[in-house]
C-alpha atoms as a PDB file:
ATOM      1  CA  MET A   1      28.690  82.782  36.435  1.00  0.00           C
ATOM      2  CA  PRO A   2      26.499  81.974  39.458  1.00  0.00           C
ATOM      3  CA  ASP A   3      22.758  82.552  39.394  1.00  0.00           C
ATOM      4  CA  VAL A   4      21.803  85.468  41.694  1.00  0.00           C
ATOM      5  CA  THR A   5      18.293  86.378  42.846  1.00  0.00           C
ATOM      6  CA  THR A   6      16.676  87.947  45.871  1.00  0.00           C
ATOM      7  CA  LEU A   7      15.879  85.895  48.951  1.00  0.00           C
ATOM      8  CA  ASP A   8      12.116  86.449  48.603  1.00  0.00           C
ATOM      9  CA  THR A   9      12.111  84.489  45.304  1.00  0.00           C
ATOM     10  CA  LEU A  10      14.341  81.627  46.466  1.00  0.00           C
ATOM     11  CA  PRO A  11      12.634  78.227  46.069  1.00  0.00           C
ATOM     12  CA  LEU A  12      11.768  76.382  49.289  1.00  0.00           C
ATOM     13  CA  ASP A  13      14.594  74.369  50.885  1.00  0.00           C
ATOM     14  CA  ARG A  14      17.159  75.558  48.335  1.00  0.00           C
ATOM     15  CA  PRO A  15      20.380  76.620  50.084  1.00  0.00           C
ATOM     16  CA  ALA A  16      21.930  79.854  48.901  1.00  0.00           C
ATOM     17  CA  ARG A  17      24.648  82.254  50.033  1.00  0.00           C
ATOM     18  CA  ILE A  18      23.878  85.909  50.701  1.00  0.00           C
ATOM     19  CA  VAL A  19      26.177  87.845  48.350  1.00  0.00           C
ATOM     20  CA  ALA A  20      24.842  91.390  48.795  1.00  0.00           C
ATOM     21  CA  ALA A  21      22.464  93.306  51.025  1.00  0.00           C
ATOM     22  CA  ASP A  22      20.702  96.593  50.369  1.00  0.00           C
ATOM     23  CA  TRP A  23      20.702  97.731  54.003  1.00  0.00           C
ATOM     24  CA  ALA A  24      19.668 101.247  52.924  1.00  0.00           C
ATOM     25  CA  ALA A  25      16.305  99.800  51.801  1.00  0.00           C
ATOM     26  CA  LEU A  26      15.559  98.900  55.434  1.00  0.00           C
ATOM     27  CA  ALA A  27      15.209 101.010  58.546  1.00  0.00           C
ATOM     28  CA  GLY A  28      18.457 101.124  60.544  1.00  0.00           C
ATOM     29  CA  ASP A  29      17.134  99.052  63.426  1.00  0.00           C
ATOM     30  CA  GLU A  30      15.789  96.384  61.051  1.00  0.00           C
ATOM     31  CA  ALA A  31      19.161  95.996  59.334  1.00  0.00           C
ATOM     32  CA  ALA A  32      20.973  95.800  62.676  1.00  0.00           C
ATOM     33  CA  ARG A  33      18.520  93.180  63.972  1.00  0.00           C
ATOM     34  CA  LEU A  34      18.978  90.956  60.918  1.00  0.00           C
ATOM     35  CA  GLN A  35      22.758  91.249  61.089  1.00  0.00           C
ATOM     36  CA  SER A  36      22.749  90.355  64.795  1.00  0.00           C
ATOM     37  CA  LEU A  37      20.802  87.192  63.904  1.00  0.00           C
ATOM     38  CA  GLY A  38      23.447  86.194  61.345  1.00  0.00           C
ATOM     39  CA  VAL A  39      21.485  87.292  58.275  1.00  0.00           C
ATOM     40  CA  ASP A  40      24.382  89.007  56.533  1.00  0.00           C
ATOM     41  CA  VAL A  41      26.660  88.740  53.512  1.00  0.00           C
ATOM     42  CA  GLY A  42      28.327  85.316  53.428  1.00  0.00           C
ATOM     43  CA  ALA A  43      25.619  83.474  55.377  1.00  0.00           C
ATOM     44  CA  ILE A  44      24.079  80.301  53.966  1.00  0.00           C
ATOM     45  CA  VAL A  45      20.279  80.544  54.088  1.00  0.00           C
ATOM     46  CA  ALA A  46      17.243  78.627  52.865  1.00  0.00           C
ATOM     47  CA  VAL A  47      13.543  79.459  52.813  1.00  0.00           C
ATOM     48  CA  ALA A  48      11.864  76.875  55.059  1.00  0.00           C
ATOM     49  CA  HIS A  49       8.285  78.150  54.826  1.00  0.00           C
ATOM     50  CA  ARG A  50       6.162  80.913  53.294  1.00  0.00           C
ATOM     51  CA  GLY A  51       3.113  82.355  55.023  1.00  0.00           C
ATOM     52  CA  VAL A  52      -0.246  81.586  53.448  1.00  0.00           C
ATOM     53  CA  PHE A  53      -1.697  85.104  53.722  1.00  0.00           C
ATOM     54  CA  ALA A  54      -0.726  88.536  52.376  1.00  0.00           C
ATOM     55  CA  GLY A  55       1.373  87.328  49.474  1.00  0.00           C
ATOM     56  CA  GLY A  56       3.408  84.805  51.434  1.00  0.00           C
ATOM     57  CA  ASP A  57       4.344  86.926  54.445  1.00  0.00           C
ATOM     58  CA  PRO A  58       6.247  86.159  56.566  1.00  0.00           C
ATOM     59  CA  LEU A  59       9.021  83.900  55.332  1.00  0.00           C
ATOM     60  CA  ALA A  60      10.687  81.454  57.701  1.00  0.00           C
ATOM     61  CA  ILE A  61      14.331  81.166  56.749  1.00  0.00           C
ATOM     62  CA  SER A  62      16.990  78.902  58.164  1.00  0.00           C
ATOM     63  CA  VAL A  63      20.326  80.474  59.027  1.00  0.00           C
ATOM     64  CA  GLY A  64      22.724  77.973  60.500  1.00  0.00           C
ATOM     65  CA  ARG A  65      20.742  76.088  63.153  1.00  0.00           C
ATOM     66  CA  MET A  66      18.195  78.900  63.646  1.00  0.00           C
ATOM     67  CA  THR A  67      14.886  79.655  61.992  1.00  0.00           C
ATOM     68  CA  VAL A  68      14.154  83.356  61.576  1.00  0.00           C
ATOM     69  CA  ALA A  69      10.868  84.984  60.532  1.00  0.00           C
ATOM     70  CA  LEU A  70      11.403  87.621  57.877  1.00  0.00           C
ATOM     71  CA  ARG A  71       9.055  89.948  56.016  1.00  0.00           C
ATOM     72  CA  ARG A  72       9.151  89.718  52.224  1.00  0.00           C
ATOM     73  CA  VAL A  73      10.276  93.337  51.954  1.00  0.00           C
ATOM     74  CA  HIS A  74      13.318  92.476  54.084  1.00  0.00           C
ATOM     75  CA  ALA A  75      14.039  89.337  52.066  1.00  0.00           C
ATOM     76  CA  ARG A  76      13.834  91.392  48.870  1.00  0.00           C
ATOM     77  CA  ALA A  77      16.805  93.475  50.092  1.00  0.00           C
ATOM     78  CA  LEU A  78      19.027  90.361  50.291  1.00  0.00           C
ATOM     79  CA  HIS A  79      20.669  89.051  47.120  1.00  0.00           C
ATOM     80  CA  VAL A  80      21.573  85.377  47.138  1.00  0.00           C
ATOM     81  CA  GLU A  81      23.730  83.118  44.985  1.00  0.00           C
ATOM     82  CA  LEU A  82      21.866  79.957  44.041  1.00  0.00           C
ATOM     83  CA  SER A  83      24.792  77.703  43.126  1.00  0.00           C
ATOM     84  CA  VAL A  84      26.203  77.140  46.595  1.00  0.00           C
ATOM     85  CA  ASP A  85      28.890  74.546  47.264  1.00  0.00           C
ATOM     86  CA  LEU A  86      28.256  73.441  50.844  1.00  0.00           C
ATOM     87  CA  ALA A  87      31.278  71.152  50.998  1.00  0.00           C
END
């Protein structure tokens, strides 16, 4: 069984697949914005950087060839599978 965690706890540079999203935990416009950027179920993501202030906010995540800034509260709503086969 694959290891699942939330995106905010994903180790740096560790690729993972988004397997579930709690869109109800976010305001409607925030969820729509993330989805339009490709941050949605099925996407392969990795945490590229964590902010140094306020508990690590914001996170910089890579999605495809983009880097997206994301608040920790948003990342906490995204569940990721750690054992990703990128082949």
